[in-house]
Amino acid sequence: MQPSYTGIFEFMKALPQFAFEKGMKFSTPSEVMDESKPIAKLSVPYPISWADEERDLSAWTGNTLQKEALKTLYEIGERLRMVNDRRLKQDWLYLQTSDHFYYMSTKHFSDGATHSQYSPYSSPYDAFSNYMNGLSDFIGRVKAQFPDSVENEELNALLLTINNQALEIKELQSKLKTVIDENVEKLVESPKKETNKKNKGEK
């Protein structure tokens, strides 16, 4: 983590311009995959990462604090996937940000120093406590809308019924609009026909 006085922000602002001057371009991982064909399959039997000496997921899931936080987070996942509340789903995604769990790492030696350098907390335990408080508030918001007394299957059925009714209403509104437009068109054409009849009669 670089402090602002090092000029890191100015560097990042200037980087694209110098890259373009050198004939370089920026691409997303998906764009790179579309442009480059695979040569062969890569065997990855276990999850890998860039973090720590192990280069595995232990930076995020290696201790009791991290496992407890993830367990509590995902216990409510099934219910969240059924609801259509945009704000709840957005906060649900925020709570899954890997940084939260990275800050809870209790590794020692060089890996521990790296974790501490990037963490805004004084200790992994503070990171865990702060996260669980936020997660508890979030779970309370979910339960306020969808109480535990309603089972997931029952909730899913209710939401499906509501969604189907919403589709039916939308379809009916579309049909009603078509009927109204047709009637308006007839009302507009009717005076024109009467005028044409009168003009022919006068001639």
N, C-alpha and C. Protein backbone atom coordinates (compact mmCIF):
# COMPACT_ATOMS: atom_id res chain seq x y z
N MET A 1 0.85 -1.18 0.00
CA MET A 1 0.00 0.00 0.00
C MET A 1 0.89 1.24 0.00
N GLN A 2 0.78 2.05 -1.03
CA GLN A 2 1.63 3.22 -1.18
C GLN A 2 0.93 4.48 -0.68
N PRO A 3 1.57 5.27 0.19
CA PRO A 3 0.97 6.54 0.63
C PRO A 3 0.95 7.54 -0.52
N SER A 4 0.05 8.51 -0.46
CA SER A 4 -0.13 9.46 -1.56
C SER A 4 1.11 10.29 -1.85
N TYR A 5 1.95 10.54 -0.82
CA TYR A 5 3.11 11.41 -1.04
C TYR A 5 4.18 10.76 -1.94
N THR A 6 4.05 9.45 -2.19
CA THR A 6 5.01 8.80 -3.08
C THR A 6 4.75 9.13 -4.55
N GLY A 7 3.57 9.75 -4.83
CA GLY A 7 3.23 10.08 -6.20
C GLY A 7 2.54 8.95 -6.94
N ILE A 8 2.03 7.96 -6.19
CA ILE A 8 1.40 6.80 -6.81
C ILE A 8 0.18 7.17 -7.65
N PHE A 9 -0.61 8.17 -7.18
CA PHE A 9 -1.81 8.55 -7.92
C PHE A 9 -1.46 9.25 -9.23
N GLU A 10 -0.44 10.11 -9.19
CA GLU A 10 0.01 10.78 -10.41
C GLU A 10 0.56 9.76 -11.41
N PHE A 11 1.28 8.77 -10.88
CA PHE A 11 1.82 7.70 -11.73
C PHE A 11 0.70 6.95 -12.45
N MET A 12 -0.36 6.59 -11.72
CA MET A 12 -1.45 5.84 -12.32
C MET A 12 -2.20 6.67 -13.35
N LYS A 13 -2.32 7.99 -13.09
CA LYS A 13 -2.99 8.87 -14.05
C LYS A 13 -2.20 8.98 -15.35
N ALA A 14 -0.88 9.01 -15.23
CA ALA A 14 -0.03 9.20 -16.41
C ALA A 14 0.23 7.90 -17.16
N LEU A 15 0.05 6.77 -16.51
CA LEU A 15 0.38 5.47 -17.10
C LEU A 15 -0.31 5.20 -18.44
N PRO A 16 -1.64 5.40 -18.57
CA PRO A 16 -2.28 5.11 -19.86
C PRO A 16 -1.70 5.89 -21.03
N GLN A 17 -1.41 7.17 -20.82
CA GLN A 17 -0.89 8.01 -21.90
C GLN A 17 0.45 7.47 -22.39
N PHE A 18 1.37 7.16 -21.46
CA PHE A 18 2.69 6.65 -21.86
C PHE A 18 2.57 5.26 -22.49
N ALA A 19 1.61 4.47 -22.04
CA ALA A 19 1.40 3.15 -22.63
C ALA A 19 0.95 3.27 -24.08
N PHE A 20 0.01 4.19 -24.35
CA PHE A 20 -0.49 4.40 -25.71
C PHE A 20 0.62 4.93 -26.63
N GLU A 21 1.48 5.79 -26.08
CA GLU A 21 2.58 6.33 -26.88
C GLU A 21 3.56 5.24 -27.31
N LYS A 22 3.65 4.19 -26.51
CA LYS A 22 4.54 3.07 -26.82
C LYS A 22 3.83 1.98 -27.64
N GLY A 23 2.60 2.28 -28.04
CA GLY A 23 1.86 1.32 -28.84
C GLY A 23 1.25 0.18 -28.04
N MET A 24 1.14 0.37 -26.75
CA MET A 24 0.55 -0.66 -25.89
C MET A 24 -0.95 -0.40 -25.75
N LYS A 25 -1.68 -1.42 -25.35
CA LYS A 25 -3.11 -1.27 -25.13
C LYS A 25 -3.52 -2.04 -23.88
N PHE A 26 -4.71 -1.76 -23.40
CA PHE A 26 -5.23 -2.42 -22.21
C PHE A 26 -6.35 -3.37 -22.62
N SER A 27 -6.41 -4.53 -21.98
CA SER A 27 -7.43 -5.52 -22.29
C SER A 27 -7.92 -6.17 -21.01
N THR A 28 -9.19 -6.53 -21.02
CA THR A 28 -9.74 -7.29 -19.89
C THR A 28 -9.35 -8.76 -20.07
N PRO A 29 -9.41 -9.56 -19.01
CA PRO A 29 -9.12 -11.00 -19.15
C PRO A 29 -9.97 -11.67 -20.23
N SER A 30 -11.26 -11.27 -20.32
CA SER A 30 -12.14 -11.87 -21.33
C SER A 30 -11.67 -11.52 -22.74
N GLU A 31 -11.23 -10.28 -22.93
CA GLU A 31 -10.74 -9.86 -24.25
C GLU A 31 -9.46 -10.61 -24.63
N VAL A 32 -8.59 -10.82 -23.66
CA VAL A 32 -7.36 -11.58 -23.91
C VAL A 32 -7.70 -13.01 -24.31
N MET A 33 -8.67 -13.61 -23.63
CA MET A 33 -9.09 -14.98 -23.95
C MET A 33 -9.68 -15.07 -25.34
N ASP A 34 -10.42 -14.03 -25.76
CA ASP A 34 -11.03 -14.03 -27.09
C ASP A 34 -9.97 -13.90 -28.18
N GLU A 35 -8.92 -13.14 -27.89
CA GLU A 35 -7.89 -12.88 -28.90
C GLU A 35 -6.82 -13.97 -28.97
N SER A 36 -6.60 -14.67 -27.86
CA SER A 36 -5.54 -15.68 -27.82
C SER A 36 -6.13 -17.08 -27.67
N LYS A 37 -5.74 -17.97 -28.55
CA LYS A 37 -6.24 -19.34 -28.49
C LYS A 37 -5.38 -20.17 -27.53
N PRO A 38 -6.01 -21.06 -26.77
CA PRO A 38 -5.24 -21.89 -25.83
C PRO A 38 -4.33 -22.87 -26.57
N ILE A 39 -3.16 -23.13 -25.97
CA ILE A 39 -2.21 -24.07 -26.55
C ILE A 39 -2.47 -25.48 -26.01
N ALA A 40 -2.72 -25.54 -24.69
CA ALA A 40 -2.96 -26.84 -24.06
C ALA A 40 -3.71 -26.62 -22.75
N LYS A 41 -4.21 -27.69 -22.19
CA LYS A 41 -4.90 -27.61 -20.91
C LYS A 41 -3.90 -27.50 -19.78
N LEU A 42 -4.24 -26.73 -18.76
CA LEU A 42 -3.40 -26.58 -17.58
C LEU A 42 -4.05 -27.30 -16.41
N SER A 43 -3.35 -28.24 -15.85
CA SER A 43 -3.89 -29.01 -14.74
C SER A 43 -3.75 -28.22 -13.44
N VAL A 44 -4.89 -27.92 -12.82
CA VAL A 44 -4.89 -27.20 -11.53
C VAL A 44 -5.82 -27.96 -10.58
N PRO A 45 -5.33 -29.02 -9.95
CA PRO A 45 -6.19 -29.84 -9.09
C PRO A 45 -6.60 -29.14 -7.80
N TYR A 46 -5.82 -28.15 -7.38
CA TYR A 46 -6.14 -27.43 -6.14
C TYR A 46 -6.19 -25.93 -6.42
N PRO A 47 -7.01 -25.19 -5.64
CA PRO A 47 -7.07 -23.73 -5.84
C PRO A 47 -5.70 -23.08 -5.61
N ILE A 48 -5.38 -22.10 -6.44
CA ILE A 48 -4.11 -21.39 -6.30
C ILE A 48 -4.38 -19.89 -6.22
N SER A 49 -3.39 -19.16 -5.74
CA SER A 49 -3.52 -17.69 -5.65
C SER A 49 -2.14 -17.07 -5.70
N TRP A 50 -2.10 -15.76 -5.63
CA TRP A 50 -0.83 -15.03 -5.63
C TRP A 50 -0.29 -14.82 -4.21
N ALA A 51 -1.10 -15.18 -3.19
CA ALA A 51 -0.82 -14.72 -1.83
C ALA A 51 0.05 -15.68 -1.01
N ASP A 52 0.97 -15.09 -0.28
CA ASP A 52 1.77 -15.77 0.75
C ASP A 52 2.63 -16.89 0.16
N GLU A 53 3.38 -17.55 1.04
CA GLU A 53 4.31 -18.58 0.58
C GLU A 53 3.58 -19.80 0.02
N GLU A 54 2.41 -20.10 0.60
CA GLU A 54 1.69 -21.31 0.17
C GLU A 54 1.07 -21.16 -1.22
N ARG A 55 0.78 -19.93 -1.62
CA ARG A 55 0.12 -19.67 -2.91
C ARG A 55 -1.20 -20.44 -3.04
N ASP A 56 -1.94 -20.51 -1.93
CA ASP A 56 -3.24 -21.18 -1.94
C ASP A 56 -4.29 -20.23 -1.37
N LEU A 57 -5.39 -20.76 -0.82
CA LEU A 57 -6.45 -19.91 -0.29
C LEU A 57 -6.33 -19.65 1.21
N SER A 58 -5.21 -20.07 1.80
CA SER A 58 -5.06 -19.94 3.25
C SER A 58 -4.99 -18.48 3.71
N ALA A 59 -4.69 -17.57 2.80
CA ALA A 59 -4.69 -16.15 3.17
C ALA A 59 -6.08 -15.65 3.51
N TRP A 60 -7.10 -16.35 3.00
CA TRP A 60 -8.49 -15.93 3.20
C TRP A 60 -9.31 -16.94 4.02
N THR A 61 -8.89 -18.19 4.02
CA THR A 61 -9.70 -19.24 4.68
C THR A 61 -8.87 -20.10 5.63
N GLY A 62 -7.73 -19.59 6.09
CA GLY A 62 -6.79 -20.44 6.83
C GLY A 62 -6.97 -20.55 8.32
N ASN A 63 -7.81 -19.72 8.92
CA ASN A 63 -7.95 -19.81 10.38
C ASN A 63 -9.42 -19.85 10.80
N THR A 64 -9.63 -20.00 12.10
CA THR A 64 -10.99 -20.15 12.64
C THR A 64 -11.83 -18.90 12.43
N LEU A 65 -11.21 -17.73 12.56
CA LEU A 65 -11.94 -16.48 12.38
C LEU A 65 -12.51 -16.39 10.97
N GLN A 66 -11.67 -16.65 9.99
CA GLN A 66 -12.09 -16.56 8.59
C GLN A 66 -13.18 -17.59 8.26
N LYS A 67 -12.99 -18.80 8.76
CA LYS A 67 -13.96 -19.86 8.48
C LYS A 67 -15.32 -19.56 9.11
N GLU A 68 -15.30 -19.00 10.33
CA GLU A 68 -16.55 -18.66 11.00
C GLU A 68 -17.27 -17.54 10.26
N ALA A 69 -16.52 -16.53 9.81
CA ALA A 69 -17.12 -15.41 9.08
C ALA A 69 -17.73 -15.89 7.77
N LEU A 70 -17.00 -16.74 7.04
CA LEU A 70 -17.51 -17.26 5.77
C LEU A 70 -18.72 -18.16 5.97
N LYS A 71 -18.67 -18.99 7.01
CA LYS A 71 -19.80 -19.88 7.31
C LYS A 71 -21.06 -19.07 7.58
N THR A 72 -20.93 -18.04 8.41
CA THR A 72 -22.09 -17.20 8.75
C THR A 72 -22.60 -16.46 7.52
N LEU A 73 -21.68 -16.00 6.69
CA LEU A 73 -22.05 -15.27 5.47
C LEU A 73 -22.85 -16.15 4.51
N TYR A 74 -22.35 -17.37 4.29
CA TYR A 74 -22.97 -18.23 3.28
C TYR A 74 -24.21 -18.96 3.78
N GLU A 75 -24.41 -18.98 5.09
CA GLU A 75 -25.63 -19.60 5.62
C GLU A 75 -26.88 -18.90 5.14
N ILE A 76 -26.75 -17.61 4.86
CA ILE A 76 -27.92 -16.84 4.43
C ILE A 76 -27.96 -16.69 2.90
N GLY A 77 -26.99 -17.31 2.23
CA GLY A 77 -26.86 -17.16 0.78
C GLY A 77 -28.04 -17.67 -0.01
N GLU A 78 -28.59 -18.81 0.38
CA GLU A 78 -29.71 -19.40 -0.37
C GLU A 78 -30.90 -18.44 -0.40
N ARG A 79 -31.16 -17.81 0.74
CA ARG A 79 -32.29 -16.88 0.83
C ARG A 79 -32.02 -15.64 -0.03
N LEU A 80 -30.78 -15.17 -0.01
CA LEU A 80 -30.44 -13.96 -0.79
C LEU A 80 -30.58 -14.19 -2.28
N ARG A 81 -30.27 -15.41 -2.72
CA ARG A 81 -30.36 -15.70 -4.16
C ARG A 81 -31.80 -15.74 -4.66
N MET A 82 -32.75 -15.83 -3.75
CA MET A 82 -34.16 -15.91 -4.16
C MET A 82 -34.83 -14.54 -4.22
N VAL A 83 -34.28 -13.54 -3.53
CA VAL A 83 -34.95 -12.25 -3.44
C VAL A 83 -34.52 -11.32 -4.56
N ASN A 84 -35.32 -10.30 -4.80
CA ASN A 84 -35.05 -9.35 -5.87
C ASN A 84 -34.73 -7.94 -5.36
N ASP A 85 -34.44 -7.84 -4.07
CA ASP A 85 -34.11 -6.55 -3.49
C ASP A 85 -32.70 -6.15 -3.93
N ARG A 86 -32.62 -5.13 -4.78
CA ARG A 86 -31.34 -4.74 -5.38
C ARG A 86 -30.32 -4.30 -4.34
N ARG A 87 -30.77 -3.53 -3.34
CA ARG A 87 -29.84 -3.01 -2.33
C ARG A 87 -29.28 -4.14 -1.46
N LEU A 88 -30.15 -5.08 -1.09
CA LEU A 88 -29.68 -6.22 -0.30
C LEU A 88 -28.65 -7.03 -1.07
N LYS A 89 -28.91 -7.27 -2.34
CA LYS A 89 -27.98 -8.05 -3.15
C LYS A 89 -26.65 -7.32 -3.34
N GLN A 90 -26.72 -6.01 -3.48
CA GLN A 90 -25.51 -5.22 -3.63
C GLN A 90 -24.64 -5.31 -2.36
N ASP A 91 -25.27 -5.15 -1.20
CA ASP A 91 -24.54 -5.26 0.06
C ASP A 91 -24.03 -6.68 0.28
N TRP A 92 -24.78 -7.67 -0.18
CA TRP A 92 -24.36 -9.06 -0.11
C TRP A 92 -23.06 -9.27 -0.88
N LEU A 93 -22.95 -8.64 -2.04
CA LEU A 93 -21.72 -8.73 -2.83
C LEU A 93 -20.56 -8.01 -2.13
N TYR A 94 -20.85 -6.85 -1.54
CA TYR A 94 -19.81 -6.12 -0.81
C TYR A 94 -19.25 -6.96 0.34
N LEU A 95 -20.13 -7.68 1.02
CA LEU A 95 -19.71 -8.50 2.16
C LEU A 95 -18.86 -9.70 1.72
N GLN A 96 -18.89 -10.05 0.44
CA GLN A 96 -18.08 -11.15 -0.07
C GLN A 96 -16.70 -10.70 -0.56
N THR A 97 -16.42 -9.41 -0.48
CA THR A 97 -15.12 -8.90 -0.92
C THR A 97 -14.00 -9.60 -0.17
N SER A 98 -13.02 -10.10 -0.89
CA SER A 98 -11.97 -10.93 -0.28
C SER A 98 -11.14 -10.17 0.75
N ASP A 99 -11.04 -8.86 0.63
CA ASP A 99 -10.23 -8.08 1.58
C ASP A 99 -10.67 -8.30 3.03
N HIS A 100 -11.98 -8.42 3.25
CA HIS A 100 -12.49 -8.60 4.61
C HIS A 100 -11.80 -9.79 5.29
N PHE A 101 -11.66 -10.87 4.55
CA PHE A 101 -11.13 -12.11 5.12
C PHE A 101 -9.60 -12.10 5.13
N TYR A 102 -9.02 -11.38 4.20
CA TYR A 102 -7.56 -11.22 4.16
C TYR A 102 -7.08 -10.51 5.42
N TYR A 103 -7.84 -9.51 5.87
CA TYR A 103 -7.46 -8.76 7.07
C TYR A 103 -7.56 -9.60 8.34
N MET A 104 -8.27 -10.72 8.28
CA MET A 104 -8.43 -11.58 9.46
C MET A 104 -7.31 -12.62 9.59
N SER A 105 -6.39 -12.63 8.67
CA SER A 105 -5.32 -13.63 8.70
C SER A 105 -4.46 -13.47 9.94
N THR A 106 -4.12 -14.60 10.56
CA THR A 106 -3.28 -14.59 11.77
C THR A 106 -1.91 -15.21 11.49
N LYS A 107 -1.49 -15.16 10.24
CA LYS A 107 -0.18 -15.73 9.89
C LYS A 107 0.95 -14.90 10.51
N HIS A 108 2.08 -15.56 10.68
CA HIS A 108 3.22 -14.90 11.30
C HIS A 108 4.37 -14.73 10.29
N PHE A 109 5.48 -14.24 10.76
CA PHE A 109 6.69 -14.05 9.98
C PHE A 109 6.43 -13.11 8.80
N SER A 110 7.05 -13.40 7.65
CA SER A 110 6.97 -12.47 6.53
C SER A 110 5.55 -12.32 5.99
N ASP A 111 4.79 -13.42 5.96
CA ASP A 111 3.40 -13.34 5.47
C ASP A 111 2.56 -12.47 6.38
N GLY A 112 2.74 -12.62 7.68
CA GLY A 112 1.99 -11.81 8.63
C GLY A 112 2.29 -10.34 8.48
N ALA A 113 3.53 -10.00 8.21
CA ALA A 113 3.91 -8.60 8.02
C ALA A 113 3.22 -8.02 6.80
N THR A 114 3.11 -8.82 5.75
CA THR A 114 2.43 -8.35 4.53
C THR A 114 0.96 -8.09 4.79
N HIS A 115 0.31 -8.99 5.50
CA HIS A 115 -1.11 -8.81 5.83
C HIS A 115 -1.31 -7.56 6.67
N SER A 116 -0.44 -7.35 7.64
CA SER A 116 -0.55 -6.19 8.53
C SER A 116 -0.35 -4.89 7.76
N GLN A 117 0.54 -4.93 6.79
CA GLN A 117 0.84 -3.72 6.01
C GLN A 117 -0.39 -3.22 5.26
N TYR A 118 -1.19 -4.14 4.76
CA TYR A 118 -2.35 -3.76 3.95
C TYR A 118 -3.63 -3.57 4.78
N SER A 119 -3.62 -4.03 5.99
CA SER A 119 -4.85 -3.99 6.80
C SER A 119 -5.04 -2.64 7.50
N PRO A 120 -6.27 -2.12 7.48
CA PRO A 120 -6.56 -0.88 8.20
C PRO A 120 -6.83 -1.12 9.69
N TYR A 121 -6.81 -2.39 10.11
CA TYR A 121 -7.12 -2.74 11.50
C TYR A 121 -5.84 -2.97 12.29
N SER A 122 -5.96 -2.81 13.60
CA SER A 122 -4.79 -3.00 14.47
C SER A 122 -4.47 -4.47 14.68
N SER A 123 -5.46 -5.34 14.45
CA SER A 123 -5.23 -6.79 14.61
C SER A 123 -6.27 -7.56 13.81
N PRO A 124 -6.00 -8.83 13.51
CA PRO A 124 -6.99 -9.67 12.81
C PRO A 124 -8.29 -9.80 13.59
N TYR A 125 -8.18 -9.73 14.92
CA TYR A 125 -9.37 -9.89 15.76
C TYR A 125 -10.29 -8.67 15.66
N ASP A 126 -9.67 -7.49 15.50
CA ASP A 126 -10.48 -6.30 15.26
C ASP A 126 -11.18 -6.37 13.91
N ALA A 127 -10.47 -6.90 12.92
CA ALA A 127 -11.07 -7.07 11.59
C ALA A 127 -12.25 -8.02 11.66
N PHE A 128 -12.09 -9.11 12.39
CA PHE A 128 -13.16 -10.09 12.55
C PHE A 128 -14.36 -9.48 13.27
N SER A 129 -14.10 -8.78 14.38
CA SER A 129 -15.17 -8.18 15.17
C SER A 129 -15.95 -7.15 14.35
N ASN A 130 -15.25 -6.31 13.62
CA ASN A 130 -15.90 -5.29 12.81
C ASN A 130 -16.75 -5.93 11.70
N TYR A 131 -16.20 -6.95 11.06
CA TYR A 131 -16.93 -7.62 9.98
C TYR A 131 -18.19 -8.31 10.50
N MET A 132 -18.07 -9.01 11.61
CA MET A 132 -19.21 -9.75 12.15
C MET A 132 -20.31 -8.80 12.62
N ASN A 133 -19.93 -7.63 13.12
CA ASN A 133 -20.94 -6.63 13.49
C ASN A 133 -21.72 -6.17 12.27
N GLY A 134 -20.98 -5.88 11.19
CA GLY A 134 -21.64 -5.46 9.95
C GLY A 134 -22.50 -6.57 9.37
N LEU A 135 -22.00 -7.80 9.42
CA LEU A 135 -22.74 -8.94 8.90
C LEU A 135 -24.01 -9.18 9.72
N SER A 136 -23.91 -9.00 11.04
CA SER A 136 -25.07 -9.17 11.91
C SER A 136 -26.17 -8.15 11.56
N ASP A 137 -25.78 -6.92 11.30
CA ASP A 137 -26.75 -5.89 10.90
C ASP A 137 -27.40 -6.27 9.57
N PHE A 138 -26.59 -6.77 8.65
CA PHE A 138 -27.11 -7.17 7.34
C PHE A 138 -28.12 -8.31 7.46
N ILE A 139 -27.77 -9.32 8.26
CA ILE A 139 -28.69 -10.45 8.47
C ILE A 139 -29.99 -9.98 9.09
N GLY A 140 -29.89 -8.99 9.99
CA GLY A 140 -31.11 -8.42 10.58
C GLY A 140 -32.00 -7.77 9.54
N ARG A 141 -31.40 -7.09 8.56
CA ARG A 141 -32.18 -6.47 7.48
C ARG A 141 -32.86 -7.52 6.62
N VAL A 142 -32.15 -8.61 6.37
CA VAL A 142 -32.73 -9.70 5.56
C VAL A 142 -33.91 -10.33 6.29
N LYS A 143 -33.74 -10.59 7.58
CA LYS A 143 -34.80 -11.24 8.37
C LYS A 143 -36.00 -10.32 8.57
N ALA A 144 -35.75 -9.01 8.55
CA ALA A 144 -36.87 -8.06 8.70
C ALA A 144 -37.81 -8.18 7.50
N GLN A 145 -37.25 -8.44 6.32
CA GLN A 145 -38.08 -8.61 5.12
C GLN A 145 -38.56 -10.04 4.94
N PHE A 146 -37.70 -10.98 5.31
CA PHE A 146 -38.01 -12.40 5.10
C PHE A 146 -37.72 -13.16 6.39
N PRO A 147 -38.68 -13.20 7.32
CA PRO A 147 -38.49 -13.81 8.65
C PRO A 147 -38.11 -15.29 8.57
N ASP A 148 -37.44 -15.76 9.63
CA ASP A 148 -37.05 -17.17 9.71
C ASP A 148 -38.26 -18.09 9.75
N SER A 149 -39.39 -17.54 10.19
CA SER A 149 -40.61 -18.36 10.27
C SER A 149 -41.07 -18.84 8.90
N VAL A 150 -40.63 -18.15 7.85
CA VAL A 150 -40.96 -18.56 6.48
C VAL A 150 -39.82 -19.40 5.94
N GLU A 151 -40.09 -20.68 5.66
CA GLU A 151 -39.06 -21.57 5.14
C GLU A 151 -38.65 -21.15 3.73
N ASN A 152 -37.43 -21.54 3.34
CA ASN A 152 -36.92 -21.17 2.03
C ASN A 152 -37.82 -21.65 0.89
N GLU A 153 -38.34 -22.88 1.01
CA GLU A 153 -39.21 -23.42 -0.04
C GLU A 153 -40.50 -22.62 -0.14
N GLU A 154 -41.05 -22.27 1.02
CA GLU A 154 -42.28 -21.47 1.04
C GLU A 154 -42.02 -20.08 0.47
N LEU A 155 -40.88 -19.49 0.86
CA LEU A 155 -40.52 -18.17 0.36
C LEU A 155 -40.32 -18.20 -1.15
N ASN A 156 -39.67 -19.24 -1.63
CA ASN A 156 -39.43 -19.37 -3.06
C ASN A 156 -40.75 -19.46 -3.82
N ALA A 157 -41.70 -20.22 -3.28
CA ALA A 157 -43.01 -20.36 -3.92
C ALA A 157 -43.75 -19.03 -3.95
N LEU A 158 -43.68 -18.30 -2.83
CA LEU A 158 -44.35 -16.99 -2.76
C LEU A 158 -43.75 -16.01 -3.76
N LEU A 159 -42.43 -15.98 -3.81
CA LEU A 159 -41.76 -15.07 -4.74
C LEU A 159 -42.05 -15.43 -6.19
N LEU A 160 -42.14 -16.73 -6.46
CA LEU A 160 -42.46 -17.19 -7.82
C LEU A 160 -43.86 -16.74 -8.20
N THR A 161 -44.81 -16.85 -7.25
CA THR A 161 -46.19 -16.41 -7.50
C THR A 161 -46.23 -14.90 -7.76
N ILE A 162 -45.49 -14.15 -6.95
CA ILE A 162 -45.45 -12.69 -7.12
C ILE A 162 -44.86 -12.32 -8.47
N ASN A 163 -43.78 -13.00 -8.86
CA ASN A 163 -43.15 -12.72 -10.16
C ASN A 163 -44.08 -13.05 -11.32
N ASN A 164 -44.80 -14.17 -11.21
CA ASN A 164 -45.74 -14.56 -12.26
C ASN A 164 -46.88 -13.55 -12.38
N GLN A 165 -47.36 -13.08 -11.21
CA GLN A 165 -48.42 -12.07 -11.22
C GLN A 165 -47.93 -10.77 -11.84
N ALA A 166 -46.68 -10.43 -11.55
CA ALA A 166 -46.11 -9.20 -12.13
C ALA A 166 -46.02 -9.31 -13.65
N LEU A 167 -45.66 -10.50 -14.14
CA LEU A 167 -45.60 -10.72 -15.60
C LEU A 167 -46.98 -10.64 -16.22
N GLU A 168 -47.96 -11.20 -15.53
CA GLU A 168 -49.34 -11.15 -16.03
C GLU A 168 -49.84 -9.71 -16.10
N ILE A 169 -49.55 -8.95 -15.06
CA ILE A 169 -49.97 -7.53 -15.03
C ILE A 169 -49.31 -6.77 -16.17
N LYS A 170 -48.02 -7.04 -16.39
CA LYS A 170 -47.30 -6.36 -17.47
C LYS A 170 -47.91 -6.70 -18.84
N GLU A 171 -48.29 -7.98 -19.01
CA GLU A 171 -48.90 -8.41 -20.27
C GLU A 171 -50.26 -7.75 -20.48
N LEU A 172 -51.05 -7.68 -19.41
CA LEU A 172 -52.36 -7.04 -19.49
C LEU A 172 -52.23 -5.55 -19.79
N GLN A 173 -51.25 -4.91 -19.18
CA GLN A 173 -51.02 -3.49 -19.44
C GLN A 173 -50.65 -3.26 -20.90
N SER A 174 -49.85 -4.18 -21.44
CA SER A 174 -49.46 -4.07 -22.84
C SER A 174 -50.68 -4.21 -23.76
N LYS A 175 -51.56 -5.18 -23.44
CA LYS A 175 -52.78 -5.37 -24.24
C LYS A 175 -53.70 -4.17 -24.13
N LEU A 176 -53.81 -3.62 -22.91
CA LEU A 176 -54.66 -2.45 -22.69
C LEU A 176 -54.16 -1.26 -23.50
N LYS A 177 -52.84 -1.09 -23.53
CA LYS A 177 -52.25 0.02 -24.29
C LYS A 177 -52.55 -0.14 -25.78
N THR A 178 -52.49 -1.39 -26.26
CA THR A 178 -52.78 -1.65 -27.67
C THR A 178 -54.23 -1.29 -28.01
N VAL A 179 -55.16 -1.68 -27.13
CA VAL A 179 -56.59 -1.38 -27.33
C VAL A 179 -56.82 0.13 -27.31
N ILE A 180 -56.21 0.81 -26.35
CA ILE A 180 -56.37 2.27 -26.25
C ILE A 180 -55.83 2.95 -27.50
N ASP A 181 -54.65 2.52 -27.97
CA ASP A 181 -54.04 3.12 -29.17
C ASP A 181 -54.94 2.92 -30.39
N GLU A 182 -55.53 1.72 -30.50
CA GLU A 182 -56.41 1.43 -31.63
C GLU A 182 -57.66 2.30 -31.58
N ASN A 183 -58.23 2.48 -30.39
CA ASN A 183 -59.43 3.31 -30.24
C ASN A 183 -59.14 4.77 -30.53
N VAL A 184 -57.99 5.23 -30.09
CA VAL A 184 -57.59 6.62 -30.36
C VAL A 184 -57.44 6.84 -31.85
N GLU A 185 -56.83 5.83 -32.50
CA GLU A 185 -56.64 5.93 -33.96
C GLU A 185 -57.98 5.99 -34.68
N LYS A 186 -58.95 5.20 -34.23
CA LYS A 186 -60.28 5.20 -34.85
C LYS A 186 -60.98 6.54 -34.64
N LEU A 187 -60.83 7.10 -33.42
CA LEU A 187 -61.45 8.40 -33.13
C LEU A 187 -60.86 9.50 -33.99
N VAL A 188 -59.57 9.39 -34.26
CA VAL A 188 -58.92 10.40 -35.10
C VAL A 188 -59.36 10.26 -36.55
N GLU A 189 -59.51 9.01 -37.02
CA GLU A 189 -59.88 8.78 -38.41
C GLU A 189 -61.35 9.10 -38.68
N SER A 190 -62.23 8.93 -37.68
CA SER A 190 -63.67 9.13 -37.87
C SER A 190 -64.02 10.53 -38.35
N PRO A 191 -63.57 11.62 -37.74
CA PRO A 191 -63.89 12.97 -38.24
C PRO A 191 -63.38 13.19 -39.65
N LYS A 192 -62.24 12.58 -39.97
CA LYS A 192 -61.69 12.74 -41.33
C LYS A 192 -62.63 12.13 -42.36
N LYS A 193 -63.19 10.94 -42.04
CA LYS A 193 -64.12 10.29 -42.97
C LYS A 193 -65.38 11.12 -43.15
N GLU A 194 -65.90 11.68 -42.06
CA GLU A 194 -67.11 12.51 -42.13
C GLU A 194 -66.86 13.74 -42.99
N THR A 195 -65.69 14.33 -42.83
CA THR A 195 -65.33 15.52 -43.62
C THR A 195 -65.25 15.18 -45.09
N ASN A 196 -64.67 14.02 -45.40
CA ASN A 196 -64.55 13.59 -46.80
C ASN A 196 -65.92 13.35 -47.42
N LYS A 197 -66.86 12.77 -46.63
CA LYS A 197 -68.22 12.53 -47.13
C LYS A 197 -68.91 13.84 -47.45
N LYS A 198 -68.78 14.81 -46.56
CA LYS A 198 -69.41 16.13 -46.77
C LYS A 198 -68.86 16.81 -48.01
N ASN A 199 -67.53 16.72 -48.16
CA ASN A 199 -66.90 17.35 -49.33
C ASN A 199 -67.40 16.72 -50.63
N LYS A 200 -67.58 15.41 -50.64
CA LYS A 200 -68.07 14.72 -51.83
C LYS A 200 -69.52 15.11 -52.10
N GLY A 201 -70.33 15.26 -51.01
CA GLY A 201 -71.73 15.64 -51.17
C GLY A 201 -71.87 17.04 -51.72
N GLU A 202 -71.02 17.95 -51.35
CA GLU A 202 -71.07 19.33 -51.83
C GLU A 202 -70.73 19.40 -53.31
N LYS A 203 -69.82 18.52 -53.72
CA LYS A 203 -69.45 18.52 -55.13
C LYS A 203 -70.58 17.98 -55.97
